[in-house]
């Protein structure tokens, strides 16, 4: 498995994150063109680990969230 350097990556908070800052994830679109991969991390732990997902898996997850197919 190859290593992905996340230094200098541009992160953005998910639009589905909790508005009070409690349950937030951040994602990066920096690798969509080249890889296509989507890094995901906990915004409360920006120096912690990040999940690196195939863009297709991330798209499936976002679609499921939008359609309310996942329970809290």
N, C-alpha and C. Protein backbone atom coordinates (compact mmCIF):
# COMPACT_ATOMS: atom_id res chain seq x y z
N UNK A 1 0.85 -1.17 0.00
CA UNK A 1 0.00 0.00 0.00
C UNK A 1 0.89 1.24 0.00
N UNK A 2 0.60 2.18 -0.86
CA UNK A 2 1.41 3.39 -0.92
C UNK A 2 0.97 4.39 0.13
N UNK A 3 1.89 5.25 0.52
CA UNK A 3 1.63 6.28 1.50
C UNK A 3 1.18 7.55 0.79
N UNK A 4 0.24 8.26 1.38
CA UNK A 4 -0.25 9.51 0.79
C UNK A 4 0.12 10.65 1.74
N UNK A 5 0.82 11.63 1.23
CA UNK A 5 1.24 12.78 2.01
C UNK A 5 0.09 13.78 2.11
N UNK A 6 -0.39 14.01 3.34
CA UNK A 6 -1.51 14.92 3.56
C UNK A 6 -1.05 16.30 4.04
N UNK A 7 0.27 16.52 4.09
CA UNK A 7 0.78 17.84 4.44
C UNK A 7 0.40 18.83 3.35
N UNK A 8 -0.13 19.96 3.74
CA UNK A 8 -0.51 20.99 2.79
C UNK A 8 -1.84 20.77 2.10
N UNK A 9 -2.57 19.74 2.51
CA UNK A 9 -3.88 19.45 1.92
C UNK A 9 -4.88 20.51 2.38
N UNK A 10 -5.77 20.90 1.50
CA UNK A 10 -6.84 21.83 1.84
C UNK A 10 -8.04 21.05 2.35
N UNK A 11 -8.43 21.32 3.59
CA UNK A 11 -9.55 20.63 4.21
C UNK A 11 -10.76 21.55 4.25
N UNK A 12 -11.95 20.95 4.17
CA UNK A 12 -13.19 21.70 4.33
C UNK A 12 -14.13 20.88 5.20
N UNK A 13 -14.93 21.58 6.00
CA UNK A 13 -15.90 20.88 6.84
C UNK A 13 -17.05 20.40 5.99
N UNK A 14 -17.51 19.23 6.30
CA UNK A 14 -18.67 18.67 5.61
C UNK A 14 -19.89 19.55 5.87
N UNK A 15 -20.70 19.73 4.86
CA UNK A 15 -21.93 20.50 5.03
C UNK A 15 -22.93 19.79 5.94
N UNK A 16 -22.70 18.51 6.20
CA UNK A 16 -23.59 17.75 7.08
C UNK A 16 -23.09 17.73 8.52
N UNK A 17 -22.00 18.42 8.81
CA UNK A 17 -21.47 18.44 10.16
C UNK A 17 -22.38 19.24 11.07
N UNK A 18 -22.31 18.92 12.33
CA UNK A 18 -23.09 19.58 13.36
C UNK A 18 -22.70 21.07 13.42
N UNK A 19 -23.68 22.00 13.38
CA UNK A 19 -23.35 23.43 13.36
C UNK A 19 -22.66 23.93 14.63
N UNK A 20 -22.79 23.24 15.75
CA UNK A 20 -22.14 23.71 16.98
C UNK A 20 -20.69 23.22 17.08
N UNK A 21 -20.20 22.55 16.06
CA UNK A 21 -18.81 22.11 16.05
C UNK A 21 -18.57 20.78 16.73
N UNK A 22 -19.62 20.13 17.21
CA UNK A 22 -19.45 18.89 17.96
C UNK A 22 -19.11 17.68 17.11
N UNK A 23 -19.91 17.38 16.13
CA UNK A 23 -19.71 16.19 15.30
C UNK A 23 -19.33 16.61 13.89
N UNK A 24 -18.06 16.94 13.71
CA UNK A 24 -17.63 17.45 12.41
C UNK A 24 -16.60 16.54 11.77
N UNK A 25 -16.75 16.39 10.49
CA UNK A 25 -15.69 15.76 9.72
C UNK A 25 -15.22 16.76 8.68
N UNK A 26 -13.98 16.58 8.27
CA UNK A 26 -13.42 17.40 7.22
C UNK A 26 -13.00 16.49 6.08
N UNK A 27 -13.15 16.97 4.89
CA UNK A 27 -12.76 16.21 3.70
C UNK A 27 -11.87 17.09 2.83
N UNK A 28 -11.12 16.45 1.97
CA UNK A 28 -10.28 17.17 1.02
C UNK A 28 -10.61 16.73 -0.39
N UNK A 29 -10.69 17.70 -1.28
CA UNK A 29 -10.93 17.41 -2.70
C UNK A 29 -9.63 17.42 -3.50
N UNK A 30 -8.50 17.55 -2.82
CA UNK A 30 -7.21 17.71 -3.49
C UNK A 30 -6.79 16.50 -4.34
N UNK A 31 -7.31 15.32 -4.05
CA UNK A 31 -6.87 14.12 -4.75
C UNK A 31 -7.91 13.58 -5.74
N UNK A 32 -8.99 14.31 -5.94
CA UNK A 32 -10.06 13.80 -6.81
C UNK A 32 -9.61 13.61 -8.25
N UNK A 33 -8.80 14.49 -8.75
CA UNK A 33 -8.40 14.40 -10.15
C UNK A 33 -7.32 13.36 -10.36
N UNK A 34 -6.32 13.35 -9.52
CA UNK A 34 -5.16 12.50 -9.73
C UNK A 34 -5.40 11.04 -9.36
N UNK A 35 -6.06 10.77 -8.24
CA UNK A 35 -6.06 9.41 -7.70
C UNK A 35 -7.23 8.51 -8.10
N UNK A 36 -8.47 8.76 -8.07
CA UNK A 36 -9.27 9.70 -7.30
C UNK A 36 -9.59 9.17 -5.90
N UNK A 37 -9.13 9.91 -4.89
CA UNK A 37 -9.28 9.54 -3.49
C UNK A 37 -9.84 10.72 -2.71
N UNK A 38 -10.48 10.42 -1.57
CA UNK A 38 -11.02 11.45 -0.70
C UNK A 38 -10.54 11.19 0.73
N UNK A 39 -9.61 12.01 1.23
CA UNK A 39 -9.22 11.91 2.63
C UNK A 39 -10.33 12.49 3.52
N UNK A 40 -10.59 11.84 4.65
CA UNK A 40 -11.61 12.25 5.61
C UNK A 40 -10.98 12.20 6.99
N UNK A 41 -11.21 13.25 7.80
CA UNK A 41 -10.66 13.27 9.17
C UNK A 41 -11.64 13.91 10.13
N UNK A 42 -11.38 13.70 11.41
CA UNK A 42 -12.17 14.29 12.49
C UNK A 42 -11.66 15.71 12.69
N UNK A 43 -12.52 16.70 12.58
CA UNK A 43 -12.08 18.09 12.69
C UNK A 43 -11.58 18.43 14.10
N UNK A 44 -12.00 17.67 15.10
CA UNK A 44 -11.53 17.91 16.46
C UNK A 44 -10.13 17.35 16.69
N UNK A 45 -9.64 16.54 15.77
CA UNK A 45 -8.31 15.94 15.89
C UNK A 45 -7.57 16.07 14.55
N UNK A 46 -7.25 17.31 14.14
CA UNK A 46 -6.68 17.52 12.81
C UNK A 46 -5.31 16.89 12.59
N UNK A 47 -4.61 16.56 13.67
CA UNK A 47 -3.30 15.92 13.52
C UNK A 47 -3.39 14.41 13.69
N UNK A 48 -4.60 13.92 13.88
CA UNK A 48 -4.82 12.49 14.03
C UNK A 48 -4.91 11.81 12.67
N UNK A 49 -5.31 10.56 12.67
CA UNK A 49 -5.38 9.80 11.42
C UNK A 49 -6.49 10.29 10.50
N UNK A 50 -6.33 10.01 9.24
CA UNK A 50 -7.35 10.30 8.24
C UNK A 50 -7.67 9.01 7.50
N UNK A 51 -8.92 8.85 7.16
CA UNK A 51 -9.32 7.75 6.30
C UNK A 51 -9.13 8.20 4.86
N UNK A 52 -8.61 7.32 4.03
CA UNK A 52 -8.46 7.62 2.62
C UNK A 52 -9.42 6.70 1.86
N UNK A 53 -10.46 7.28 1.29
CA UNK A 53 -11.50 6.49 0.64
C UNK A 53 -11.45 6.68 -0.87
N UNK A 54 -11.77 5.62 -1.61
CA UNK A 54 -11.96 5.81 -3.05
C UNK A 54 -13.10 6.81 -3.27
N UNK A 55 -12.98 7.65 -4.26
CA UNK A 55 -14.01 8.67 -4.51
C UNK A 55 -15.38 8.05 -4.72
N UNK A 56 -15.43 6.87 -5.33
CA UNK A 56 -16.73 6.22 -5.55
C UNK A 56 -17.38 5.80 -4.23
N UNK A 57 -16.58 5.34 -3.28
CA UNK A 57 -17.11 4.97 -1.96
C UNK A 57 -17.61 6.20 -1.22
N UNK A 58 -16.85 7.30 -1.30
CA UNK A 58 -17.28 8.55 -0.66
C UNK A 58 -18.59 9.03 -1.28
N UNK A 59 -18.70 8.98 -2.58
CA UNK A 59 -19.92 9.41 -3.26
C UNK A 59 -21.12 8.56 -2.83
N UNK A 60 -20.92 7.26 -2.67
CA UNK A 60 -22.00 6.38 -2.21
C UNK A 60 -22.42 6.73 -0.79
N UNK A 61 -21.45 7.03 0.07
CA UNK A 61 -21.74 7.42 1.45
C UNK A 61 -22.54 8.72 1.48
N UNK A 62 -22.10 9.73 0.73
CA UNK A 62 -22.79 11.02 0.70
C UNK A 62 -24.21 10.85 0.18
N UNK A 63 -24.39 10.04 -0.83
CA UNK A 63 -25.73 9.79 -1.37
C UNK A 63 -26.62 9.14 -0.31
N UNK A 64 -26.09 8.18 0.42
CA UNK A 64 -26.87 7.53 1.48
C UNK A 64 -27.26 8.52 2.57
N UNK A 65 -26.35 9.42 2.94
CA UNK A 65 -26.65 10.43 3.94
C UNK A 65 -27.76 11.36 3.43
N UNK A 66 -27.62 11.81 2.20
CA UNK A 66 -28.62 12.72 1.61
C UNK A 66 -30.02 12.11 1.58
N UNK A 67 -30.09 10.80 1.38
CA UNK A 67 -31.38 10.12 1.29
C UNK A 67 -31.86 9.59 2.65
N UNK A 68 -31.12 9.89 3.72
CA UNK A 68 -31.52 9.46 5.04
C UNK A 68 -31.45 7.95 5.24
N UNK A 69 -30.57 7.30 4.51
CA UNK A 69 -30.48 5.85 4.59
C UNK A 69 -29.61 5.35 5.74
N UNK A 70 -28.96 6.26 6.46
CA UNK A 70 -28.11 5.89 7.60
C UNK A 70 -28.75 6.40 8.87
N UNK A 71 -28.76 5.61 9.89
CA UNK A 71 -29.34 6.05 11.17
C UNK A 71 -28.24 6.67 12.03
N UNK A 72 -28.65 7.50 12.97
CA UNK A 72 -27.70 8.17 13.87
C UNK A 72 -27.14 7.21 14.87
